[in-house]
């Protein structure tokens, strides 16, 4: 049975990979920034009740807090807080 698509070692496949990179490369930074912004918003939602902001979904987001503790230090530094705003998380 013959393959219908180009193999990876053919010149056509290398050209296709190069074109793919050419079209995707300018937007890589934009997509990374958008993803980081979404992650920051999600982190704020998870820790909202702990930070003193009323959170209607606190009972659901409380389950996610242990998973998010690992990334909390990077998040609060990125938000411009030198020290952890939470009393029970001493990451700095």
C-alpha atoms as a PDB file:
ATOM      1  CA  UNK A   1       0.000   0.000   0.000  1.00  0.00           C
ATOM      2  CA  UNK A   2       1.478   3.368  -0.988  1.00  0.00           C
ATOM      3  CA  UNK A   3       1.561   6.380   1.292  1.00  0.00           C
ATOM      4  CA  UNK A   4      -0.524   9.295   0.035  1.00  0.00           C
ATOM      5  CA  UNK A   5       1.304  12.024   2.017  1.00  0.00           C
ATOM      6  CA  UNK A   6       4.903  13.194   1.642  1.00  0.00           C
ATOM      7  CA  UNK A   7       7.497  11.361   3.715  1.00  0.00           C
ATOM      8  CA  UNK A   8       9.639  13.315   6.143  1.00  0.00           C
ATOM      9  CA  UNK A   9      12.881  12.752   4.260  1.00  0.00           C
ATOM     10  CA  UNK A  10      11.650  14.021   0.905  1.00  0.00           C
ATOM     11  CA  UNK A  11      12.388  17.546  -0.320  1.00  0.00           C
ATOM     12  CA  UNK A  12       8.663  18.261  -0.556  1.00  0.00           C
ATOM     13  CA  UNK A  13       8.202  17.410   3.140  1.00  0.00           C
ATOM     14  CA  UNK A  14      11.096  19.678   4.118  1.00  0.00           C
ATOM     15  CA  UNK A  15       9.588  22.527   2.086  1.00  0.00           C
ATOM     16  CA  UNK A  16       6.186  21.936   3.696  1.00  0.00           C
ATOM     17  CA  UNK A  17       7.773  21.995   7.167  1.00  0.00           C
ATOM     18  CA  UNK A  18       9.619  25.212   6.308  1.00  0.00           C
ATOM     19  CA  UNK A  19       6.436  26.873   5.080  1.00  0.00           C
ATOM     20  CA  UNK A  20       4.592  25.760   8.194  1.00  0.00           C
ATOM     21  CA  UNK A  21       7.295  27.350  10.350  1.00  0.00           C
ATOM     22  CA  UNK A  22       7.243  30.503   8.189  1.00  0.00           C
ATOM     23  CA  UNK A  23       3.507  30.993   8.732  1.00  0.00           C
ATOM     24  CA  UNK A  24       3.417  30.045  12.437  1.00  0.00           C
ATOM     25  CA  UNK A  25       6.553  31.822  13.701  1.00  0.00           C
ATOM     26  CA  UNK A  26       5.209  35.425  13.759  1.00  0.00           C
ATOM     27  CA  UNK A  27       2.269  34.409  15.961  1.00  0.00           C
ATOM     28  CA  UNK A  28       4.112  32.191  18.443  1.00  0.00           C
ATOM     29  CA  UNK A  29       4.796  35.049  20.866  1.00  0.00           C
ATOM     30  CA  UNK A  30       1.211  36.300  20.592  1.00  0.00           C
ATOM     31  CA  UNK A  31      -0.198  32.864  21.378  1.00  0.00           C
ATOM     32  CA  UNK A  32       2.211  32.454  24.303  1.00  0.00           C
ATOM     33  CA  UNK A  33       1.176  35.831  25.739  1.00  0.00           C
ATOM     34  CA  UNK A  34      -2.527  34.998  25.340  1.00  0.00           C
ATOM     35  CA  UNK A  35      -2.026  31.668  27.076  1.00  0.00           C
ATOM     36  CA  UNK A  36      -0.121  33.334  29.923  1.00  0.00           C
ATOM     37  CA  UNK A  37      -2.918  35.889  30.339  1.00  0.00           C
ATOM     38  CA  UNK A  38      -5.505  33.110  30.501  1.00  0.00           C
ATOM     39  CA  UNK A  39      -3.396  31.226  33.049  1.00  0.00           C
ATOM     40  CA  UNK A  40      -3.091  34.392  35.164  1.00  0.00           C
ATOM     41  CA  UNK A  41      -6.840  34.916  35.098  1.00  0.00           C
ATOM     42  CA  UNK A  42      -7.412  31.302  36.079  1.00  0.00           C
ATOM     43  CA  UNK A  43      -4.908  31.611  38.914  1.00  0.00           C
ATOM     44  CA  UNK A  44      -6.732  34.719  40.149  1.00  0.00           C
ATOM     45  CA  UNK A  45     -10.017  32.840  40.016  1.00  0.00           C
ATOM     46  CA  UNK A  46      -8.594  29.933  42.010  1.00  0.00           C
ATOM     47  CA  UNK A  47      -7.022  32.151  44.698  1.00  0.00           C
ATOM     48  CA  UNK A  48      -9.723  34.867  44.705  1.00  0.00           C
ATOM     49  CA  UNK A  49     -11.367  33.767  47.940  1.00  0.00           C
ATOM     50  CA  UNK A  50      -7.977  33.537  49.661  1.00  0.00           C
ATOM     51  CA  UNK A  51      -7.082  37.048  48.470  1.00  0.00           C
ATOM     52  CA  UNK A  52     -10.348  38.467  49.868  1.00  0.00           C
ATOM     53  CA  UNK A  53     -12.313  38.712  46.630  1.00  0.00           C
ATOM     54  CA  UNK A  54     -15.753  37.074  46.764  1.00  0.00           C
ATOM     55  CA  UNK A  55     -15.780  34.010  44.549  1.00  0.00           C
ATOM     56  CA  UNK A  56     -19.079  32.302  43.721  1.00  0.00           C
ATOM     57  CA  UNK A  57     -17.229  29.170  42.590  1.00  0.00           C
ATOM     58  CA  UNK A  58     -15.033  28.862  45.684  1.00  0.00           C
ATOM     59  CA  UNK A  59     -16.182  25.348  46.519  1.00  0.00           C
ATOM     60  CA  UNK A  60     -15.014  24.151  43.091  1.00  0.00           C
ATOM     61  CA  UNK A  61     -11.768  26.092  42.880  1.00  0.00           C
ATOM     62  CA  UNK A  62     -10.655  25.101  46.375  1.00  0.00           C
ATOM     63  CA  UNK A  63      -9.910  21.619  45.059  1.00  0.00           C
ATOM     64  CA  UNK A  64      -7.433  23.105  42.579  1.00  0.00           C
ATOM     65  CA  UNK A  65      -5.381  25.080  45.095  1.00  0.00           C
ATOM     66  CA  UNK A  66      -2.844  22.320  45.902  1.00  0.00           C
ATOM     67  CA  UNK A  67      -2.118  21.938  42.198  1.00  0.00           C
ATOM     68  CA  UNK A  68      -1.676  25.691  41.722  1.00  0.00           C
ATOM     69  CA  UNK A  69       0.656  26.243  44.710  1.00  0.00           C
ATOM     70  CA  UNK A  70       3.654  25.230  42.597  1.00  0.00           C
ATOM     71  CA  UNK A  71       3.061  28.063  40.135  1.00  0.00           C
ATOM     72  CA  UNK A  72       1.933  30.628  42.713  1.00  0.00           C
ATOM     73  CA  UNK A  73       5.373  32.222  43.191  1.00  0.00           C
ATOM     74  CA  UNK A  74       5.827  32.946  39.474  1.00  0.00           C
ATOM     75  CA  UNK A  75       2.299  34.303  39.303  1.00  0.00           C
ATOM     76  CA  UNK A  76       2.542  36.784  42.182  1.00  0.00           C
ATOM     77  CA  UNK A  77       5.940  38.015  40.942  1.00  0.00           C
ATOM     78  CA  UNK A  78       4.473  38.543  37.465  1.00  0.00           C
ATOM     79  CA  UNK A  79       1.541  40.469  39.003  1.00  0.00           C
ATOM     80  CA  UNK A  80       3.995  42.873  40.664  1.00  0.00           C
ATOM     81  CA  UNK A  81       3.766  41.607  44.247  1.00  0.00           C
ATOM     82  CA  UNK A  82       7.211  41.276  45.818  1.00  0.00           C
ATOM     83  CA  UNK A  83       6.025  39.038  48.662  1.00  0.00           C
ATOM     84  CA  UNK A  84       3.282  36.463  48.763  1.00  0.00           C
ATOM     85  CA  UNK A  85      -0.034  38.167  49.569  1.00  0.00           C
ATOM     86  CA  UNK A  86      -1.199  35.043  51.397  1.00  0.00           C
ATOM     87  CA  UNK A  87      -0.250  34.462  55.021  1.00  0.00           C
ATOM     88  CA  UNK A  88      -0.205  30.681  54.788  1.00  0.00           C
ATOM     89  CA  UNK A  89       1.927  30.484  51.619  1.00  0.00           C
ATOM     90  CA  UNK A  90       5.491  31.500  52.355  1.00  0.00           C
ATOM     91  CA  UNK A  91       7.142  31.081  48.984  1.00  0.00           C
ATOM     92  CA  UNK A  92       9.544  34.035  49.137  1.00  0.00           C
END
